[in-house]
Amino acid sequence: MTAPHTPPPTPRSVLGRLSLPERNFVAEALRTETVGGVLLLVAAVAALIWANVPALHDSYESVSHYHLGPAALGLHLSVAHWAADGLLAVFFFVAGIELKRELVAGDLKDPKAAALPVVAALCGMAVPALVYTLTNLAGGGSLAGWAVPTATDIAFALAVLAVIGTSLPSALRAFLLTLAVVDDLFAILIIAVFFTSTIDFAALAGAVVGLGVFWALLRKGVRGWYVYVPLALVIWGLMYNSGVHATIAGVAMGLMLRCTTRDGEERSPGERIEHLVRPVSAGLAVPLFALFSAGVTLSGHALVDVFGRPETLGVVLGLVVGKTVGIFGGTWLTARFTRASLSEDLVWADVFAVASLAGIGFTVSLLIGELAFEGDAVLTDEAKAAVLLGSVIAALLATVLLKLRNAAYRRMCETEERDEDLDGIPDVYEQDDPAYHLRMADIHAGKAAEHRRIAEEITRRLAREDEAARDGLAEVPGGAGEDDDRPA
């Protein structure tokens, strides 16, 4: 007796259409990040103007280096330091929640689906680091900045999309967002492992105890910002004094929030808190960090020097070449070895364009640049200039590549957004629902009846006009041209 025939598994699609809940979440998250990205661009431009106009330069330096905070607690920091260690902790708190949600309810929940963005993100960090390292080995530069070009700034990338007006499909936007989430996780690990020189174990133990209390309160269902905000500040302060970068506290607390729903909940606690905090992160924390980190002195000579020094050249090449090659190569290899096929709506040029867009490494790259070259103010500023220049080149390259396909993207977006039955759900998500097709049948029947009514009205009007024309001819008086050809 022969064994029953087992049909071959359906090939998995790479960058296919998102599920409706995931699409709605991504759309909401990206709206906030896009607004934040525009503010980030404005802050970066303001910082460059403030730092480069001679009449304003001294005031920029004075404000950036103005110290405030309780010295007794080890927190008498400059304004720029507060922005980098304090405000960015809010940014990484949101990144922690995003990562937790992706792991328990999003694309990273399924190992097969998670393989693509994780491998792409890892390759998108490893190749830029390799490009930087090879450039500096060849040029005799410092290897300390190998991590600078490894980060992707999702807010800056989305701001570029908003400015150039491209209609990028939701699958590609979600891919970019997931890449950035995984990227942020590994950036945090890089900061924690490679940029922690001395550790105060007493302060670190206090921070760990505080995180334990934070976790216990969450598990007991304790609510109230007046409980968690003071506790979070204490944890942050202890983490800062431990020598471990203080932003680690933010991502740790974000990862502790519950991001799955229970009976009677429309949103999980993590999603609710992210909805509240994301505007603060995107609209305040990150732009203020950019304002006090992007203010480097630029000149024609300084920009030329970026290409003449191995450290800065490595940063530019890492962002522009390394990111693009790494993410595109990681995506292609994942599809190749998992026998997955690219979504029929997309082509590999689309993946290449998004990979080039991921070369915008603004916020976290600036932060790592400060940590990597700490103690060398000149090289720190040059590395920041290289990050700015590399991000601008990557943005221009992505703009050209995305514009070439914008007509196709617009058609895809129109299909994704079409809602002919006006039920609030795009039609592409209802193709397997009989009720949808019954609604559409009623709608089309109504349209057909309306068109028949219009056709009948036109027919009657034309008949009346015809009849009036014939009556007019019959009333013309006799005269020349009658049978006997006599004059009238």
Protein backbone atom coordinates (compact mmCIF):
# COMPACT_ATOMS: atom_id res chain seq x y z
CA MET A 1 0.00 0.00 0.00
CA THR A 2 1.50 3.31 -1.07
CA ALA A 3 1.80 6.17 1.38
CA PRO A 4 -0.52 9.10 0.78
CA HIS A 5 1.01 11.90 -1.25
CA THR A 6 2.07 14.88 0.86
CA PRO A 7 1.86 18.17 -1.00
CA PRO A 8 5.07 20.20 -0.98
CA PRO A 9 5.13 23.05 1.54
CA THR A 10 4.08 26.42 0.23
CA PRO A 11 7.18 28.57 -0.35
CA ARG A 12 7.47 31.30 2.25
CA SER A 13 7.32 34.86 0.97
CA VAL A 14 9.97 37.40 1.95
CA LEU A 15 8.59 40.87 2.78
CA GLY A 16 5.01 39.80 2.08
CA ARG A 17 1.90 41.66 3.21
CA LEU A 18 1.64 42.21 6.98
CA SER A 19 -1.19 40.88 9.09
CA LEU A 20 -3.84 43.53 9.81
CA PRO A 21 -2.97 43.97 13.54
CA GLU A 22 0.73 44.24 12.70
CA ARG A 23 -0.01 46.68 9.88
CA ASN A 24 -2.06 48.90 12.21
CA PHE A 25 0.64 48.84 14.91
CA VAL A 26 3.39 49.65 12.42
CA ALA A 27 1.33 52.48 10.89
CA GLU A 28 0.76 54.09 14.31
CA ALA A 29 4.39 53.70 15.38
CA LEU A 30 5.72 55.09 12.12
CA ARG A 31 3.43 58.13 12.22
CA THR A 32 4.93 59.20 15.53
CA GLU A 33 8.48 58.38 14.42
CA THR A 34 8.02 60.35 11.19
CA VAL A 35 6.97 63.48 13.11
CA GLY A 36 9.87 62.90 15.49
CA GLY A 37 12.22 62.44 12.55
CA VAL A 38 11.24 65.80 11.08
CA LEU A 39 11.89 67.41 14.49
CA LEU A 40 15.21 65.55 14.59
CA LEU A 41 16.20 67.03 11.23
CA VAL A 42 15.20 70.50 12.40
CA ALA A 43 17.23 70.05 15.61
CA ALA A 44 20.29 68.84 13.69
CA VAL A 45 20.16 71.79 11.29
CA ALA A 46 19.65 74.17 14.23
CA ALA A 47 22.68 72.66 16.00
CA LEU A 48 24.88 73.09 12.93
CA ILE A 49 23.79 76.71 12.47
CA TRP A 50 24.21 77.46 16.20
CA ALA A 51 27.69 75.93 16.27
CA ASN A 52 28.96 77.36 12.97
CA VAL A 53 27.73 80.96 12.99
CA PRO A 54 30.65 82.87 14.60
CA ALA A 55 28.38 85.16 16.64
CA LEU A 56 26.55 82.14 18.11
CA HIS A 57 29.33 79.58 18.51
CA ASP A 58 30.40 80.63 22.01
CA SER A 59 26.84 80.51 23.32
CA TYR A 60 26.44 76.95 21.93
CA GLU A 61 29.58 75.85 23.76
CA SER A 62 28.47 77.61 26.95
CA VAL A 63 25.03 76.00 26.99
CA SER A 64 26.34 72.54 26.04
CA HIS A 65 28.93 72.56 28.81
CA TYR A 66 26.80 74.19 31.48
CA HIS A 67 26.68 71.83 34.48
CA LEU A 68 23.67 71.16 36.69
CA GLY A 69 22.41 68.42 38.96
CA PRO A 70 23.20 67.13 42.47
CA ALA A 71 26.96 66.68 42.85
CA ALA A 72 26.45 64.63 46.04
CA LEU A 73 24.73 61.94 43.95
CA GLY A 74 27.40 62.00 41.26
CA LEU A 75 24.99 63.66 38.85
CA HIS A 76 26.48 67.13 38.36
CA LEU A 77 26.51 66.79 34.57
CA SER A 78 26.74 69.07 31.57
CA VAL A 79 23.63 69.76 29.49
CA ALA A 80 25.10 67.70 26.62
CA HIS A 81 25.80 64.86 29.08
CA TRP A 82 22.25 64.96 30.42
CA ALA A 83 20.97 64.76 26.85
CA ALA A 84 23.17 61.77 25.96
CA ASP A 85 22.77 59.77 29.18
CA GLY A 86 19.42 60.98 30.46
CA LEU A 87 17.15 61.78 27.52
CA LEU A 88 18.41 58.88 25.42
CA ALA A 89 17.41 56.53 28.25
CA VAL A 90 13.81 57.41 27.29
CA PHE A 91 14.58 56.55 23.67
CA PHE A 92 16.03 53.17 24.68
CA PHE A 93 13.10 52.54 27.03
CA VAL A 94 10.79 52.75 24.00
CA ALA A 95 13.24 50.57 22.04
CA GLY A 96 13.05 47.97 24.83
CA ILE A 97 9.24 47.92 24.67
CA GLU A 98 9.36 47.62 20.87
CA LEU A 99 11.76 44.71 21.10
CA LYS A 100 9.65 42.95 23.75
CA ARG A 101 6.50 43.38 21.65
CA GLU A 102 8.27 42.04 18.56
CA LEU A 103 9.48 39.01 20.54
CA VAL A 104 6.12 38.06 22.06
CA ALA A 105 3.52 39.37 19.60
CA GLY A 106 5.25 40.65 16.46
CA ASP A 107 7.37 39.31 13.63
CA LEU A 108 10.17 38.08 15.91
CA LYS A 109 7.78 35.69 17.68
CA ASP A 110 8.00 33.21 14.81
CA PRO A 111 11.62 31.99 14.45
CA LYS A 112 11.21 31.52 10.70
CA ALA A 113 9.86 35.02 10.22
CA ALA A 114 12.42 36.45 12.68
CA ALA A 115 15.35 34.99 10.77
CA LEU A 116 15.16 37.57 7.99
CA PRO A 117 15.29 40.85 9.99
CA VAL A 118 17.69 39.41 12.58
CA VAL A 119 20.19 38.13 10.02
CA ALA A 120 19.81 41.31 7.95
CA ALA A 121 20.38 43.48 11.03
CA LEU A 122 23.41 41.45 12.17
CA CYS A 123 24.96 41.58 8.69
CA GLY A 124 24.06 45.27 8.60
CA MET A 125 26.19 45.78 11.72
CA ALA A 126 29.01 43.34 11.02
CA VAL A 127 29.85 44.53 7.49
CA PRO A 128 30.10 48.26 8.43
CA ALA A 129 32.35 47.31 11.36
CA LEU A 130 34.47 45.24 8.96
CA VAL A 131 34.63 48.07 6.42
CA TYR A 132 35.73 50.50 9.15
CA THR A 133 38.33 48.06 10.47
CA LEU A 134 39.84 47.30 7.04
CA THR A 135 39.94 51.02 6.17
CA ASN A 136 41.84 51.83 9.37
CA LEU A 137 44.18 48.85 9.13
CA ALA A 138 45.09 49.97 5.63
CA GLY A 139 45.44 53.63 6.65
CA GLY A 140 47.02 53.17 10.08
CA GLY A 141 44.07 54.70 11.94
CA SER A 142 42.47 53.97 15.31
CA LEU A 143 40.28 50.88 15.56
CA ALA A 144 38.38 52.35 18.52
CA GLY A 145 35.55 53.63 16.32
CA TRP A 146 34.63 50.29 14.72
CA ALA A 147 31.12 50.44 16.24
CA VAL A 148 30.28 53.99 15.08
CA PRO A 149 28.83 53.04 11.63
CA THR A 150 26.88 50.03 12.90
CA ALA A 151 23.66 51.85 13.93
CA THR A 152 20.54 52.79 11.98
CA ASP A 153 18.43 55.83 12.92
CA ILE A 154 14.81 54.93 12.16
CA ALA A 155 13.46 58.42 12.92
CA PHE A 156 15.93 60.10 10.56
CA ALA A 157 15.20 57.49 7.85
CA LEU A 158 11.45 58.03 8.15
CA ALA A 159 11.93 61.79 8.04
CA VAL A 160 13.75 61.36 4.74
CA LEU A 161 10.81 59.31 3.44
CA ALA A 162 8.41 62.04 4.57
CA VAL A 163 10.46 64.78 2.92
CA ILE A 164 10.89 63.04 -0.44
CA GLY A 165 7.23 61.94 -0.42
CA THR A 166 7.75 58.32 -1.46
CA SER A 167 4.88 55.87 -0.95
CA LEU A 168 6.91 53.03 0.55
CA PRO A 169 4.72 49.91 1.05
CA SER A 170 3.97 48.87 4.62
CA ALA A 171 5.99 45.63 4.31
CA LEU A 172 9.17 47.57 3.53
CA ARG A 173 8.45 50.13 6.26
CA ALA A 174 7.90 47.31 8.77
CA PHE A 175 11.14 45.66 7.62
CA LEU A 176 12.98 48.93 8.22
CA LEU A 177 11.36 49.34 11.65
CA THR A 178 12.20 45.77 12.73
CA LEU A 179 15.75 46.19 11.47
CA ALA A 180 16.10 49.30 13.63
CA VAL A 181 14.67 47.53 16.70
CA VAL A 182 17.15 44.64 16.41
CA ASP A 183 19.87 47.16 15.60
CA ASP A 184 19.09 49.11 18.80
CA LEU A 185 19.30 45.90 20.87
CA PHE A 186 22.77 45.05 19.58
CA ALA A 187 23.86 48.68 19.88
CA ILE A 188 22.94 48.53 23.57
CA LEU A 189 24.94 45.31 23.94
CA ILE A 190 27.92 46.92 22.20
CA ILE A 191 27.73 49.94 24.51
CA ALA A 192 27.42 47.74 27.61
CA VAL A 193 30.22 45.33 26.69
CA PHE A 194 32.78 47.46 24.86
CA PHE A 195 32.33 50.91 26.39
CA THR A 196 32.25 50.07 30.08
CA SER A 197 35.74 50.57 31.49
CA THR A 198 35.32 50.63 35.28
CA ILE A 199 32.42 49.27 37.31
CA ASP A 200 31.18 50.35 40.73
CA PHE A 201 29.71 47.04 41.85
CA ALA A 202 27.82 48.58 44.79
CA ALA A 203 25.95 51.01 42.50
CA LEU A 204 25.40 48.24 39.93
CA ALA A 205 23.97 45.97 42.63
CA GLY A 206 21.65 48.78 43.69
CA ALA A 207 20.48 49.22 40.10
CA VAL A 208 19.83 45.47 39.81
CA VAL A 209 17.83 45.51 43.06
CA GLY A 210 15.84 48.48 41.74
CA LEU A 211 15.11 46.60 38.52
CA GLY A 212 13.97 43.64 40.63
CA VAL A 213 11.55 45.88 42.53
CA PHE A 214 10.35 47.35 39.22
CA TRP A 215 9.68 43.85 37.86
CA ALA A 216 7.90 42.72 41.06
CA LEU A 217 5.59 45.75 41.06
CA LEU A 218 4.69 45.07 37.43
CA ARG A 219 3.90 41.42 38.17
CA LYS A 220 1.69 42.39 41.08
CA GLY A 221 -0.25 44.73 38.82
CA VAL A 222 0.63 47.90 40.74
CA ARG A 223 -0.37 50.97 38.73
CA GLY A 224 0.48 54.66 38.93
CA TRP A 225 3.14 56.78 37.31
CA TYR A 226 3.95 58.24 40.75
CA VAL A 227 5.32 54.81 41.72
CA TYR A 228 7.27 53.95 38.59
CA VAL A 229 8.73 57.31 37.55
CA PRO A 230 10.61 57.96 40.85
CA LEU A 231 11.76 54.32 40.90
CA ALA A 232 12.97 54.61 37.29
CA LEU A 233 14.96 57.74 38.15
CA VAL A 234 16.63 55.95 41.06
CA ILE A 235 17.50 52.98 38.84
CA TRP A 236 18.86 55.30 36.16
CA GLY A 237 21.00 57.22 38.69
CA LEU A 238 22.46 54.02 40.15
CA MET A 239 23.16 52.62 36.67
CA TYR A 240 24.92 55.84 35.69
CA ASN A 241 27.11 55.78 38.80
CA SER A 242 27.92 52.10 38.26
CA GLY A 243 29.95 52.94 35.15
CA VAL A 244 27.63 51.00 32.86
CA HIS A 245 26.05 53.36 30.33
CA ALA A 246 22.84 54.71 31.86
CA THR A 247 20.73 54.00 28.77
CA ILE A 248 20.98 50.28 29.67
CA ALA A 249 18.53 51.01 32.50
CA GLY A 250 15.99 52.29 29.98
CA VAL A 251 16.09 49.23 27.73
CA ALA A 252 16.02 46.88 30.74
CA MET A 253 12.84 48.47 32.11
CA GLY A 254 11.25 48.44 28.65
CA LEU A 255 11.91 44.71 28.30
CA MET A 256 10.16 44.04 31.62
CA LEU A 257 6.77 45.40 30.55
CA ARG A 258 4.08 42.91 29.57
CA CYS A 259 3.29 43.18 25.87
CA THR A 260 0.60 40.50 25.55
CA THR A 261 -3.10 41.17 26.09
CA ARG A 262 -5.32 39.45 28.63
CA ASP A 263 -9.07 39.01 28.75
CA GLY A 264 -10.83 42.36 28.64
CA GLU A 265 -7.76 44.26 27.42
CA GLU A 266 -7.69 46.02 24.09
CA ARG A 267 -4.00 46.82 24.53
CA SER A 268 -1.27 45.35 26.67
CA PRO A 269 0.34 47.54 29.37
CA GLY A 270 3.51 47.75 27.27
CA GLU A 271 1.63 49.05 24.23
CA ARG A 272 -0.29 51.58 26.34
CA ILE A 273 2.88 52.93 27.93
CA GLU A 274 4.69 52.97 24.60
CA HIS A 275 1.79 54.96 23.13
CA LEU A 276 2.26 57.53 25.91
CA VAL A 277 6.07 57.66 25.98
CA ARG A 278 6.90 57.38 22.26
CA PRO A 279 5.88 61.02 21.53
CA VAL A 280 8.14 62.16 24.40
CA SER A 281 11.00 60.10 22.99
CA ALA A 282 10.53 61.02 19.33
CA GLY A 283 9.38 64.61 19.87
CA LEU A 284 11.57 65.73 22.77
CA ALA A 285 14.34 63.37 23.92
CA VAL A 286 15.93 62.52 20.56
CA PRO A 287 15.71 66.06 19.05
CA LEU A 288 17.28 67.57 22.18
CA PHE A 289 20.06 64.97 22.05
CA ALA A 290 20.63 65.89 18.41
CA LEU A 291 20.67 69.59 19.29
CA PHE A 292 23.58 69.12 21.70
CA SER A 293 25.44 66.37 19.81
CA ALA A 294 25.27 67.43 16.17
CA GLY A 295 26.75 70.89 16.73
CA VAL A 296 30.15 70.28 15.16
CA THR A 297 32.17 72.97 13.41
CA LEU A 298 32.07 72.41 9.67
CA SER A 299 34.04 73.97 6.86
CA GLY A 300 35.02 73.04 3.36
CA HIS A 301 38.46 72.06 4.61
CA ALA A 302 36.99 69.96 7.46
CA LEU A 303 34.65 68.08 5.10
CA VAL A 304 37.55 67.33 2.74
CA ASP A 305 39.55 66.05 5.72
CA VAL A 306 36.78 63.51 6.42
CA PHE A 307 37.94 61.63 3.31
CA GLY A 308 41.62 62.01 4.18
CA ARG A 309 41.63 60.52 7.67
CA PRO A 310 41.13 56.72 8.03
CA GLU A 311 38.86 56.97 11.10
CA THR A 312 36.39 59.35 9.48
CA LEU A 313 36.64 57.71 6.03
CA GLY A 314 35.89 54.38 7.71
CA VAL A 315 32.74 55.83 9.29
CA VAL A 316 31.48 57.23 5.96
CA LEU A 317 32.24 54.04 4.02
CA GLY A 318 30.77 51.93 6.81
CA LEU A 319 27.47 53.80 6.71
CA VAL A 320 27.14 54.18 2.94
CA VAL A 321 28.72 50.97 1.65
CA GLY A 322 28.81 48.65 4.66
CA LYS A 323 25.19 49.10 5.69
CA THR A 324 23.86 48.69 2.16
CA VAL A 325 25.94 45.63 1.33
CA GLY A 326 25.39 44.06 4.75
CA ILE A 327 21.60 44.37 4.90
CA PHE A 328 21.05 43.53 1.23
CA GLY A 329 23.46 40.60 1.40
CA GLY A 330 21.97 39.29 4.65
CA THR A 331 18.45 39.47 3.21
CA TRP A 332 19.43 37.77 -0.04
CA LEU A 333 21.34 34.98 1.74
CA THR A 334 18.44 34.36 4.14
CA ALA A 335 16.01 34.07 1.24
CA ARG A 336 18.45 31.88 -0.69
CA PHE A 337 19.14 29.37 2.07
CA THR A 338 15.61 29.19 3.47
CA ARG A 339 14.17 28.74 -0.05
CA ALA A 340 11.92 31.72 0.50
CA SER A 341 10.83 33.84 -2.43
CA LEU A 342 10.56 37.62 -2.55
CA SER A 343 7.00 38.96 -2.44
CA GLU A 344 5.62 39.11 -5.98
CA ASP A 345 4.91 42.84 -5.55
CA LEU A 346 8.58 43.65 -4.92
CA VAL A 347 11.92 43.29 -6.67
CA TRP A 348 15.40 43.00 -5.17
CA ALA A 349 16.10 46.61 -6.14
CA ASP A 350 13.53 47.59 -3.48
CA VAL A 351 15.49 45.73 -0.80
CA PHE A 352 18.70 47.41 -1.98
CA ALA A 353 17.06 50.84 -1.73
CA VAL A 354 15.83 50.19 1.82
CA ALA A 355 19.28 48.85 2.74
CA SER A 356 20.83 52.10 1.54
CA LEU A 357 18.27 54.06 3.58
CA ALA A 358 19.41 52.12 6.67
CA GLY A 359 22.82 53.73 6.19
CA ILE A 360 21.41 56.79 7.97
CA GLY A 361 23.04 56.25 11.36
CA PHE A 362 22.47 59.48 13.20
CA THR A 363 21.44 59.26 16.86
CA VAL A 364 23.12 56.10 18.14
CA SER A 365 26.14 56.58 15.86
CA LEU A 366 26.71 60.03 17.39
CA LEU A 367 26.41 58.50 20.87
CA ILE A 368 28.89 55.70 20.11
CA GLY A 369 31.24 58.22 18.49
CA GLU A 370 31.34 60.18 21.75
CA LEU A 371 32.07 57.00 23.71
CA ALA A 372 34.62 55.57 21.25
CA PHE A 373 36.84 58.65 21.08
CA GLU A 374 36.26 59.95 24.61
CA GLY A 375 39.16 62.13 25.67
CA ASP A 376 40.01 63.20 22.12
CA ALA A 377 37.76 66.19 21.44
CA VAL A 378 39.13 66.80 17.94
CA LEU A 379 38.61 63.21 16.77
CA THR A 380 35.17 63.10 18.44
CA ASP A 381 34.04 66.15 16.44
CA GLU A 382 35.55 64.73 13.25
CA ALA A 383 33.74 61.43 13.82
CA LYS A 384 30.48 63.33 14.30
CA ALA A 385 31.09 65.21 11.05
CA ALA A 386 31.69 61.85 9.36
CA VAL A 387 28.41 60.48 10.75
CA LEU A 388 26.56 63.54 9.45
CA LEU A 389 28.19 63.33 6.03
CA GLY A 390 27.71 59.57 5.72
CA SER A 391 24.06 59.86 6.74
CA VAL A 392 23.45 62.62 4.18
CA ILE A 393 25.11 60.58 1.39
CA ALA A 394 23.06 57.51 2.34
CA ALA A 395 19.88 59.61 2.36
CA LEU A 396 20.63 61.05 -1.10
CA LEU A 397 21.42 57.60 -2.52
CA ALA A 398 18.22 56.15 -1.05
CA THR A 399 16.20 59.09 -2.38
CA VAL A 400 17.36 58.44 -5.95
CA LEU A 401 16.77 54.67 -5.71
CA LEU A 402 13.34 54.98 -4.09
CA LYS A 403 12.15 57.68 -6.50
CA LEU A 404 12.87 55.33 -9.43
CA ARG A 405 10.25 52.93 -8.06
CA ASN A 406 7.84 55.45 -6.58
CA ALA A 407 5.11 54.90 -9.21
CA ALA A 408 5.06 51.17 -8.40
CA TYR A 409 5.03 51.93 -4.65
CA ARG A 410 2.08 54.30 -5.13
CA ARG A 411 0.06 51.57 -6.85
CA MET A 412 0.88 49.12 -4.04
CA CYS A 413 -0.16 51.62 -1.38
CA GLU A 414 -3.42 52.39 -3.18
CA THR A 415 -4.18 48.65 -3.22
CA GLU A 416 -3.29 48.35 0.47
CA GLU A 417 -5.52 51.30 1.42
CA ARG A 418 -8.55 50.61 -0.80
CA ASP A 419 -11.76 50.14 1.25
CA GLU A 420 -14.68 50.03 -1.19
CA ASP A 421 -17.18 48.65 1.35
CA LEU A 422 -16.25 51.46 3.81
CA ASP A 423 -16.02 49.14 6.84
CA GLY A 424 -12.69 50.53 8.01
CA ILE A 425 -10.73 47.43 6.94
CA PRO A 426 -8.71 47.48 3.69
CA ASP A 427 -10.23 45.17 1.08
CA VAL A 428 -7.05 43.11 0.63
CA TYR A 429 -7.54 41.72 4.15
CA GLU A 430 -11.12 40.57 3.44
CA GLN A 431 -10.71 38.49 0.30
CA ASP A 432 -11.47 35.26 2.20
CA ASP A 433 -14.51 36.65 4.03
CA PRO A 434 -17.89 35.73 2.38
CA ALA A 435 -19.57 38.66 4.15
CA TYR A 436 -17.22 41.06 2.37
CA HIS A 437 -18.14 39.69 -1.05
CA LEU A 438 -21.87 39.86 -0.18
CA ARG A 439 -21.43 43.51 0.81
CA MET A 440 -19.57 44.18 -2.43
CA ALA A 441 -22.32 42.41 -4.41
CA ASP A 442 -24.93 44.70 -2.82
CA ILE A 443 -22.74 47.75 -3.53
CA HIS A 444 -22.25 46.75 -7.17
CA ALA A 445 -25.95 45.90 -7.55
CA GLY A 446 -26.81 49.37 -6.26
CA LYS A 447 -24.29 50.92 -8.66
CA ALA A 448 -25.71 48.85 -11.55
CA ALA A 449 -29.25 49.99 -10.74
CA GLU A 450 -28.08 53.61 -10.60
CA HIS A 451 -26.32 53.27 -13.97
CA ARG A 452 -29.47 51.69 -15.51
CA ARG A 453 -31.55 54.60 -14.20
CA ILE A 454 -29.08 57.11 -15.67
CA ALA A 455 -29.05 55.20 -18.99
CA GLU A 456 -32.86 55.25 -19.15
CA GLU A 457 -32.95 59.00 -18.41
CA ILE A 458 -30.40 59.66 -21.15
CA THR A 459 -32.34 57.46 -23.59
CA ARG A 460 -35.59 59.33 -22.86
CA ARG A 461 -33.86 62.70 -23.22
CA LEU A 462 -32.34 61.74 -26.54
CA ALA A 463 -35.73 60.47 -27.76
CA ARG A 464 -37.34 63.79 -26.81
CA GLU A 465 -34.61 65.73 -28.58
CA ASP A 466 -35.03 63.52 -31.67
CA GLU A 467 -38.77 64.06 -31.71
CA ALA A 468 -38.36 67.82 -31.29
CA ALA A 469 -35.92 67.87 -34.19
CA ARG A 470 -38.36 66.02 -36.47
CA ASP A 471 -41.22 68.34 -35.48
CA GLY A 472 -39.07 71.32 -36.35
CA LEU A 473 -38.37 69.99 -39.81
CA ALA A 474 -42.09 69.31 -40.46
CA GLU A 475 -42.95 72.95 -39.65
CA VAL A 476 -40.59 74.44 -42.27
CA PRO A 477 -42.87 76.34 -44.93
CA GLY A 478 -42.95 75.15 -48.54
CA GLY A 479 -40.92 77.10 -51.15
CA ALA A 480 -38.10 76.61 -53.51
CA GLY A 481 -37.20 73.02 -54.01
CA GLU A 482 -40.78 71.64 -54.23
CA ASP A 483 -41.75 69.05 -56.90
CA ASP A 484 -42.68 71.55 -59.64
CA ASP A 485 -39.54 73.62 -59.00
CA ARG A 486 -41.70 76.81 -59.20
CA PRO A 487 -40.76 79.74 -57.01
CA ALA A 488 -42.75 80.11 -53.89
